[in-house]
Each structure stands twice: as C-alpha cells, then as structure tokens.
Amino acid sequence: MRERRKLKPGGRLGWDPHRRLAPGPPVRGPDGGPGGRGRGQRPPNGRLRPFIDKRRLRRSDLLRHVREEDVRTVMRYPHTVIGSDSSARAPYGIMGFGKPHPRTYGTFPRVLGCYVREEKVLTWQEAIAKMTSKTARKLRLRGRGEVRPGYFADLVVFDPNTVIDRATFTDPHRYPAGIEYVVVNGTVVIDRGEHTGALPGRVLRPRP
C-alpha cells in the first residue's frame, strides 16, 4: 500500500484481487521464488518488491485456496455450472508462454475423468449439462449448448473410459487424453487428437 500511495496519490488503498504490472523477466516458485525469499522479505512485499522496483515485469499467481471437499459440494449444487476463466493457450507458438494454471488445458476433462468416472460426484448427464446447456442458458447464448436442429454445431467427441486431464503445475502445457474430435460452428478443428488449423470460432455475446 505504501508503494501504491506513491504511484497513485489520493487513490483508494486496500488489497485488490487483481494487480496490473508491466512485462519483464519471469520470477517463478513459491512466494515469488528467489525474487521473494532470496531477499529475506515476507509475502506479499517479497513477491511484489522486484516487480515494483523494475517497473517492467508481468506477473501471474497460482493460488490454492479451495479444499477438495468444497469443490465437490459446489459441484453437486443443482444450479452450479462449469467453466474456466483461463486465457486461450497452446503448447506452441506465441501462445505457449509461461506456466499457466493446469485448468487452462484440463478443466473439462478433469471433471469428466476425475469427478464423474472415478469419484462419481456427478453423473455423465449432469456434468455435461453443467458444461453445455445450463451454461448456455445462464449466459443467454442462443442456439448453443444443445444438439438439436437449427443450433450451431459445437460438438466434442470423447472416450468416457480414457478422458482425463494431463496438465500439471510443473508441466501445464499438456493436452488432455481421450478427446479425439472437436467441431466448432460445424467445422472440425480437432481430428484424431490433432488440430486441423481451422479457426472457425467467434466472439459470443448474450442475446435476449
């Protein structure tokens, strides 16, 4: 807060869920890795100090603060829908940078493989509805989320016996197993587990 007061005199002070920082060399590991612990500073100052000093670093935090039993409880709630707030990534090219949260590649296959097939937290029908039709209705995405005449052809073909996430915190850029085909707006984008190069996606906005 002291640093923020210097940067923005008279502004509102307090802990915010988001911080904006300029790009620069990475600092990885618990408490900012050597950037924090090596300086003998406690978090959050130990993590923020090198960023504030250089004014040229980009920061991304991976925080674990939800217990597994709480995840299961929330997942069972009838009105819960399943999604991910991760950005679009790829294990190659300009989108293959950094170490994103494993959910980037694994949110939906983890639900299917772990919480449905292995732990039986949800049925297949319940989980898929929470990922598709219920989400589309909640976000008012007309013509999406169901397989029916007149709707956009957004389809995922997966093997219920093998689908699972493979991304980890140390190796996050890993595609899931068991997803063979993906169709977006009627165009095949994943064929036998490989990207076809097609990019038929579009921005979706709610409709009344």
Protein backbone atom coordinates (compact mmCIF):
# COMPACT_ATOMS: atom_id res chain seq x y z
CA MET A 1 0.00 0.00 0.00
CA ARG A 2 2.94 2.31 0.64
CA GLU A 3 4.13 1.77 -2.93
CA ARG A 4 0.64 2.25 -4.30
CA ARG A 5 0.27 5.55 -2.46
CA LYS A 6 3.46 6.75 -4.15
CA LEU A 7 2.25 5.66 -7.58
CA LYS A 8 -1.31 6.93 -7.19
CA PRO A 9 -1.59 9.65 -4.53
CA GLY A 10 -5.07 10.03 -3.15
CA GLY A 11 -6.31 6.76 -4.62
CA ARG A 12 -8.27 4.11 -2.73
CA LEU A 13 -5.99 1.81 -0.73
CA GLY A 14 -6.53 -1.83 0.12
CA TRP A 15 -5.92 -5.34 -1.12
CA ASP A 16 -7.32 -5.89 -4.61
CA PRO A 17 -7.91 -9.25 -6.32
CA HIS A 18 -6.11 -8.00 -9.45
CA ARG A 19 -2.89 -6.09 -9.97
CA ARG A 20 -1.60 -4.59 -13.19
CA LEU A 21 2.13 -4.86 -13.80
CA ALA A 22 4.36 -4.20 -16.79
CA PRO A 23 6.16 -7.08 -18.62
CA GLY A 24 9.65 -8.35 -17.92
CA PRO A 25 11.73 -11.43 -16.92
CA PRO A 26 9.90 -14.24 -15.07
CA VAL A 27 10.17 -14.99 -11.35
CA ARG A 28 8.74 -18.41 -10.54
CA GLY A 29 8.23 -20.53 -7.45
CA PRO A 30 6.60 -20.23 -4.00
CA ASP A 31 6.49 -16.67 -2.64
CA GLY A 32 7.93 -15.38 -5.90
CA GLY A 33 10.84 -17.83 -5.82
CA PRO A 34 14.28 -16.28 -5.38
CA GLY A 35 12.78 -12.87 -6.07
CA GLY A 36 11.00 -13.01 -2.73
CA ARG A 37 12.65 -15.47 -0.39
CA GLY A 38 16.15 -14.59 -1.57
CA ARG A 39 15.60 -11.02 -0.44
CA GLY A 40 14.52 -12.10 3.01
CA GLN A 41 11.12 -10.45 2.64
CA ARG A 42 7.76 -11.87 3.62
CA PRO A 43 4.91 -12.00 1.12
CA PRO A 44 3.28 -10.07 -0.35
CA ASN A 45 6.11 -7.48 -0.28
CA GLY A 46 8.68 -10.17 -1.08
CA ARG A 47 6.81 -11.03 -4.25
CA LEU A 48 5.95 -7.50 -5.31
CA ARG A 49 9.17 -5.68 -4.48
CA PRO A 50 11.25 -6.78 -7.51
CA PHE A 51 8.30 -6.04 -9.80
CA ILE A 52 7.73 -2.58 -8.36
CA ASP A 53 11.45 -1.77 -8.38
CA LYS A 54 11.97 -2.62 -12.06
CA ARG A 55 8.55 -1.46 -13.33
CA ARG A 56 8.84 -3.92 -16.20
CA LEU A 57 7.58 -7.32 -15.07
CA ARG A 58 4.45 -9.29 -15.89
CA ARG A 59 3.01 -11.30 -13.03
CA SER A 60 0.73 -14.32 -12.78
CA ASP A 61 -0.11 -16.01 -9.47
CA LEU A 62 -1.29 -19.60 -8.98
CA LEU A 63 -3.13 -19.77 -5.68
CA ARG A 64 -4.50 -22.86 -3.95
CA HIS A 65 -7.22 -21.81 -1.52
CA VAL A 66 -10.17 -24.19 -2.03
CA ARG A 67 -10.44 -27.61 -0.38
CA GLU A 68 -11.36 -30.62 -2.49
CA GLU A 69 -14.44 -31.39 -0.40
CA ASP A 70 -15.67 -27.85 -1.04
CA VAL A 71 -15.18 -28.33 -4.78
CA ARG A 72 -17.31 -31.49 -4.65
CA THR A 73 -20.02 -29.78 -2.61
CA VAL A 74 -20.25 -26.83 -5.00
CA MET A 75 -20.20 -29.16 -8.00
CA ARG A 76 -23.21 -31.08 -6.66
CA TYR A 77 -25.28 -27.92 -6.22
CA PRO A 78 -28.05 -28.10 -8.86
CA HIS A 79 -27.55 -24.56 -10.16
CA THR A 80 -23.74 -24.74 -10.47
CA VAL A 81 -22.33 -24.53 -13.99
CA ILE A 82 -18.79 -25.47 -15.00
CA GLY A 83 -16.38 -23.18 -16.81
CA SER A 84 -12.84 -21.83 -16.78
CA ASP A 85 -11.56 -18.26 -16.59
CA SER A 86 -8.23 -19.19 -18.14
CA SER A 87 -6.98 -17.46 -21.26
CA ALA A 88 -6.55 -19.20 -24.62
CA ARG A 89 -3.22 -21.04 -24.80
CA ALA A 90 -1.37 -23.55 -26.96
CA PRO A 91 1.78 -25.62 -26.30
CA TYR A 92 3.45 -23.98 -29.31
CA GLY A 93 3.93 -20.56 -30.91
CA ILE A 94 3.20 -17.20 -29.34
CA MET A 95 0.51 -18.66 -27.06
CA GLY A 96 2.84 -21.18 -25.43
CA PHE A 97 4.48 -18.79 -22.96
CA GLY A 98 4.77 -19.06 -19.19
CA LYS A 99 3.32 -21.61 -16.80
CA PRO A 100 -0.46 -21.18 -16.70
CA HIS A 101 -2.74 -22.90 -14.21
CA PRO A 102 -3.41 -26.56 -15.18
CA ARG A 103 -7.09 -25.67 -15.64
CA THR A 104 -6.07 -23.94 -18.88
CA TYR A 105 -5.84 -27.32 -20.59
CA GLY A 106 -7.65 -29.51 -18.09
CA THR A 107 -10.85 -28.05 -16.62
CA PHE A 108 -13.45 -30.06 -18.51
CA PRO A 109 -11.56 -33.37 -18.94
CA ARG A 110 -10.73 -33.29 -15.23
CA VAL A 111 -14.40 -33.02 -14.34
CA LEU A 112 -15.24 -35.89 -16.69
CA GLY A 113 -12.34 -38.17 -15.80
CA CYS A 114 -11.92 -37.44 -12.10
CA TYR A 115 -15.24 -36.26 -10.68
CA VAL A 116 -17.53 -38.30 -12.95
CA ARG A 117 -15.77 -41.52 -13.93
CA GLU A 118 -13.54 -42.03 -10.88
CA GLU A 119 -15.28 -40.36 -7.93
CA LYS A 120 -18.92 -40.46 -9.11
CA VAL A 121 -19.56 -36.93 -7.80
CA LEU A 122 -21.80 -36.31 -10.82
CA THR A 123 -23.38 -38.47 -13.49
CA TRP A 124 -22.26 -38.06 -17.09
CA GLN A 125 -25.53 -36.37 -17.94
CA GLU A 126 -25.28 -33.93 -15.02
CA ALA A 127 -21.69 -32.95 -15.77
CA ILE A 128 -22.23 -32.46 -19.49
CA ALA A 129 -25.36 -30.37 -18.89
CA LYS A 130 -23.42 -28.13 -16.47
CA MET A 131 -20.77 -27.62 -19.17
CA THR A 132 -23.13 -27.03 -22.08
CA SER A 133 -26.88 -26.43 -21.98
CA LYS A 134 -27.09 -24.98 -18.46
CA THR A 135 -24.15 -22.67 -19.13
CA ALA A 136 -25.60 -21.51 -22.45
CA ARG A 137 -28.95 -20.71 -20.84
CA LYS A 138 -27.33 -18.88 -17.93
CA LEU A 139 -25.23 -16.75 -20.29
CA ARG A 140 -28.10 -16.32 -22.78
CA LEU A 141 -26.14 -17.84 -25.66
CA ARG A 142 -28.99 -18.59 -28.04
CA GLY A 143 -28.55 -21.56 -30.34
CA ARG A 144 -25.72 -23.03 -28.26
CA GLY A 145 -25.27 -25.79 -25.73
CA GLU A 146 -27.64 -28.40 -27.16
CA VAL A 147 -27.64 -30.82 -30.07
CA ARG A 148 -30.83 -30.03 -31.97
CA PRO A 149 -31.93 -28.80 -35.42
CA GLY A 150 -31.16 -25.13 -36.04
CA TYR A 151 -28.48 -24.91 -33.34
CA PHE A 152 -24.80 -24.25 -34.03
CA ALA A 153 -22.82 -27.48 -34.38
CA ASP A 154 -20.42 -27.26 -31.42
CA LEU A 155 -19.52 -30.85 -30.57
CA VAL A 156 -16.87 -32.73 -28.59
CA VAL A 157 -16.32 -36.45 -29.15
CA PHE A 158 -14.52 -38.09 -26.22
CA ASP A 159 -13.87 -41.57 -24.87
CA PRO A 160 -15.52 -41.89 -21.42
CA ASN A 161 -13.06 -44.63 -20.48
CA THR A 162 -9.91 -42.57 -21.07
CA VAL A 163 -10.77 -38.86 -20.93
CA ILE A 164 -8.64 -37.12 -18.27
CA ASP A 165 -6.55 -34.01 -17.77
CA ARG A 166 -2.76 -34.31 -18.04
CA ALA A 167 -1.62 -30.76 -17.29
CA THR A 168 0.27 -30.19 -14.02
CA PHE A 169 1.64 -27.17 -12.20
CA THR A 170 5.17 -28.05 -13.33
CA ASP A 171 4.16 -29.08 -16.87
CA PRO A 172 0.94 -27.18 -17.65
CA HIS A 173 1.13 -27.10 -21.46
CA ARG A 174 -0.28 -30.60 -21.97
CA TYR A 175 -3.43 -31.51 -23.85
CA PRO A 176 -5.87 -33.89 -22.16
CA ALA A 177 -6.26 -37.53 -23.12
CA GLY A 178 -9.35 -39.11 -24.60
CA ILE A 179 -10.66 -36.24 -26.75
CA GLU A 180 -10.48 -37.29 -30.39
CA TYR A 181 -12.71 -34.84 -32.25
CA VAL A 182 -13.93 -31.27 -31.72
CA VAL A 183 -16.34 -29.44 -34.01
CA VAL A 184 -16.79 -25.65 -33.74
CA ASN A 185 -19.57 -23.95 -35.70
CA GLY A 186 -19.81 -27.01 -37.94
CA THR A 187 -16.08 -27.14 -38.73
CA VAL A 188 -13.78 -29.90 -37.48
CA VAL A 189 -10.93 -28.32 -35.50
CA ILE A 190 -9.57 -31.43 -33.75
CA ASP A 191 -9.26 -34.59 -35.87
CA ARG A 192 -7.91 -37.74 -34.17
CA GLY A 193 -6.47 -35.60 -31.41
CA GLU A 194 -4.65 -33.18 -33.73
CA HIS A 195 -5.52 -29.56 -34.55
CA THR A 196 -6.55 -29.15 -38.18
CA GLY A 197 -5.52 -25.50 -38.39
CA ALA A 198 -9.12 -24.35 -38.81
CA LEU A 199 -10.16 -21.33 -36.72
CA PRO A 200 -13.95 -21.01 -37.07
CA GLY A 201 -14.54 -19.59 -33.58
CA ARG A 202 -16.26 -16.28 -32.97
CA VAL A 203 -16.99 -13.95 -30.07
CA LEU A 204 -20.23 -14.95 -28.34
CA ARG A 205 -22.45 -12.32 -26.79
CA PRO A 206 -25.65 -12.75 -24.76
CA ARG A 207 -28.91 -12.34 -26.62
CA PRO A 208 -32.30 -11.54 -25.07
